[in-house]
Protein backbone atom coordinates (compact mmCIF):
# COMPACT_ATOMS: atom_id res chain seq x y z
CA MET A 1 -33.69 -40.27 -3.98
CA SER A 2 -31.81 -37.43 -5.56
CA LEU A 3 -29.37 -35.38 -3.57
CA MET A 4 -29.80 -32.55 -6.06
CA SER A 5 -32.32 -29.97 -5.18
CA ALA A 6 -33.08 -26.62 -6.76
CA PRO A 7 -29.79 -24.98 -7.80
CA ALA A 8 -28.49 -22.43 -5.38
CA LYS A 9 -28.30 -18.92 -6.60
CA PHE A 10 -24.99 -17.13 -6.11
CA GLN A 11 -24.42 -13.49 -6.48
CA ALA A 12 -21.14 -12.35 -7.99
CA THR A 13 -19.54 -9.46 -6.20
CA SER A 14 -17.15 -6.79 -7.37
CA PRO A 15 -13.82 -6.26 -5.71
CA PRO A 16 -14.03 -3.69 -2.88
CA PHE A 17 -12.04 -1.04 -4.74
CA ARG A 18 -12.58 2.66 -4.84
CA TRP A 19 -10.42 5.31 -6.54
CA ASP A 20 -9.14 8.08 -4.33
CA GLU A 21 -8.46 11.74 -5.22
CA ALA A 22 -4.83 10.94 -6.09
CA GLY A 23 -5.68 8.16 -8.50
CA GLY A 24 -4.88 5.33 -6.12
CA ILE A 25 -7.06 2.36 -5.34
CA ARG A 26 -8.35 2.07 -1.74
CA ILE A 27 -9.87 -1.07 -0.23
CA GLY A 28 -13.46 -0.82 0.99
CA SER A 29 -14.18 2.28 3.00
CA SER A 30 -10.70 2.33 4.43
CA ARG A 31 -7.67 4.43 3.50
CA VAL A 32 -5.60 1.25 2.96
CA THR A 33 -4.29 1.03 -0.55
CA LEU A 34 -4.25 -1.87 -2.99
CA ASP A 35 -0.52 -1.36 -3.12
CA SER A 36 -0.17 -2.00 0.66
CA ILE A 37 -2.35 -5.16 0.61
CA LEU A 38 -0.45 -6.61 -2.31
CA ALA A 39 2.96 -5.72 -0.90
CA SER A 40 2.11 -7.67 2.24
CA TYR A 41 0.78 -10.53 0.09
CA HIS A 42 4.00 -10.56 -2.04
CA ASN A 43 6.06 -10.52 1.16
CA GLY A 44 4.45 -13.82 2.15
CA SER A 45 1.71 -12.68 4.49
CA THR A 46 -1.50 -14.69 4.58
CA PRO A 47 -4.84 -12.91 4.37
CA GLU A 48 -5.31 -13.44 8.07
CA GLU A 49 -1.93 -11.83 8.80
CA ILE A 50 -2.81 -8.94 6.48
CA ALA A 51 -6.05 -8.48 8.40
CA ILE A 52 -4.06 -8.15 11.62
CA GLN A 53 -1.72 -5.60 9.94
CA TYR A 54 -4.64 -3.62 8.58
CA SER A 55 -7.41 -4.16 11.07
CA VAL A 56 -9.69 -1.60 9.38
CA VAL A 57 -9.97 -3.87 6.34
CA ARG A 58 -12.40 -6.79 6.54
CA LEU A 59 -10.93 -10.24 5.96
CA GLU A 60 -13.48 -10.89 3.20
CA ASP A 61 -12.24 -7.77 1.35
CA ILE A 62 -8.67 -8.93 1.70
CA TYR A 63 -9.53 -12.31 0.19
CA SER A 64 -11.55 -10.56 -2.56
CA THR A 65 -8.63 -8.24 -3.31
CA ILE A 66 -6.13 -11.05 -3.58
CA ALA A 67 -8.56 -13.17 -5.71
CA TYR A 68 -9.10 -10.17 -8.02
CA TYR A 69 -5.34 -9.72 -8.31
CA LEU A 70 -4.73 -13.35 -9.17
CA ASN A 71 -7.39 -13.23 -11.88
CA HIS A 72 -6.22 -9.88 -13.31
CA ARG A 73 -2.51 -10.03 -12.59
CA GLN A 74 -1.35 -8.28 -15.79
CA GLU A 75 -3.65 -5.25 -15.29
CA ILE A 76 -2.89 -4.92 -11.58
CA ASP A 77 0.89 -5.34 -12.13
CA SER A 78 0.67 -2.58 -14.75
CA TYR A 79 -1.18 -0.35 -12.32
CA LEU A 80 1.38 -1.05 -9.58
CA GLU A 81 4.32 -0.31 -11.91
CA GLN A 82 2.69 2.93 -12.97
CA ARG A 83 2.22 3.90 -9.29
CA ASN A 84 5.91 3.07 -8.59
CA GLN A 85 7.01 5.26 -11.46
CA GLN A 86 4.83 8.13 -10.28
CA SER A 87 6.20 7.78 -6.73
CA GLU A 88 9.79 7.78 -7.96
CA GLN A 89 9.17 10.88 -10.07
CA LEU A 90 7.62 12.66 -7.14
CA ARG A 91 10.52 11.69 -4.89
CA GLN A 92 13.03 13.06 -7.47
CA GLN A 93 11.02 16.28 -7.80
CA LEU A 94 10.87 16.81 -4.08
CA SER A 95 14.53 15.97 -3.69
CA GLN A 96 15.52 18.50 -6.32
CA LYS A 97 13.11 21.16 -5.12
CA HIS A 98 14.15 20.92 -1.47
CA ASN A 99 17.74 19.82 -2.02
CA LEU A 100 17.49 16.82 0.24
CA VAL A 101 20.65 15.18 -1.07
CA ASP A 102 23.01 16.61 1.53
CA LEU A 103 20.44 17.51 4.15
CA ARG A 104 21.95 15.39 6.94
CA GLN A 105 25.46 16.73 6.38
CA ARG A 106 24.21 20.34 6.22
CA LEU A 107 22.26 19.92 9.51
CA LEU A 108 25.29 18.39 11.20
CA THR A 109 27.50 21.22 9.98
CA ARG A 110 24.97 23.83 11.21
CA TYR A 111 24.85 22.22 14.71
CA GLN A 112 28.66 22.11 14.91
CA SER A 113 29.12 25.67 13.74
CA LYS A 114 26.76 26.90 16.44
CA GLY A 115 28.68 24.87 19.03
CA GLU A 116 25.57 22.86 19.85
CA SER A 117 25.67 19.17 20.65
CA ILE A 118 24.17 16.90 18.08
CA PRO A 119 20.79 15.56 19.28
CA SER A 120 20.69 11.83 19.61
CA ALA A 121 18.00 9.64 18.16
CA PRO A 122 15.23 8.71 20.55
CA SER A 123 15.65 5.21 22.01
CA ASN A 124 12.82 2.72 22.20
């Protein structure tokens, strides 16, 4: 008696990625980015923990995302590095355009010059 029957047919699936208008990769139909999922993964979160953090993403999509990353690490790491560089450039542009370097000090000086008390941070 043979335990082997007709071979099962498996269907390969693509990772649940879609490109957004800014050139980022989103997971499934959510707004959660590939960057976010992989940051949690790199910080030691399990797929189940990531599913709790990002409840709009299906657990299957999280596993698929991590599996794709592990099989295409060089390409994804290159994508992530490019995104980090773009983010840093944008941060620098905004900082220069809006002069955010001394913003806290300028606000404190403005409050003090008007004789107003400095608002405290909200407590939790």
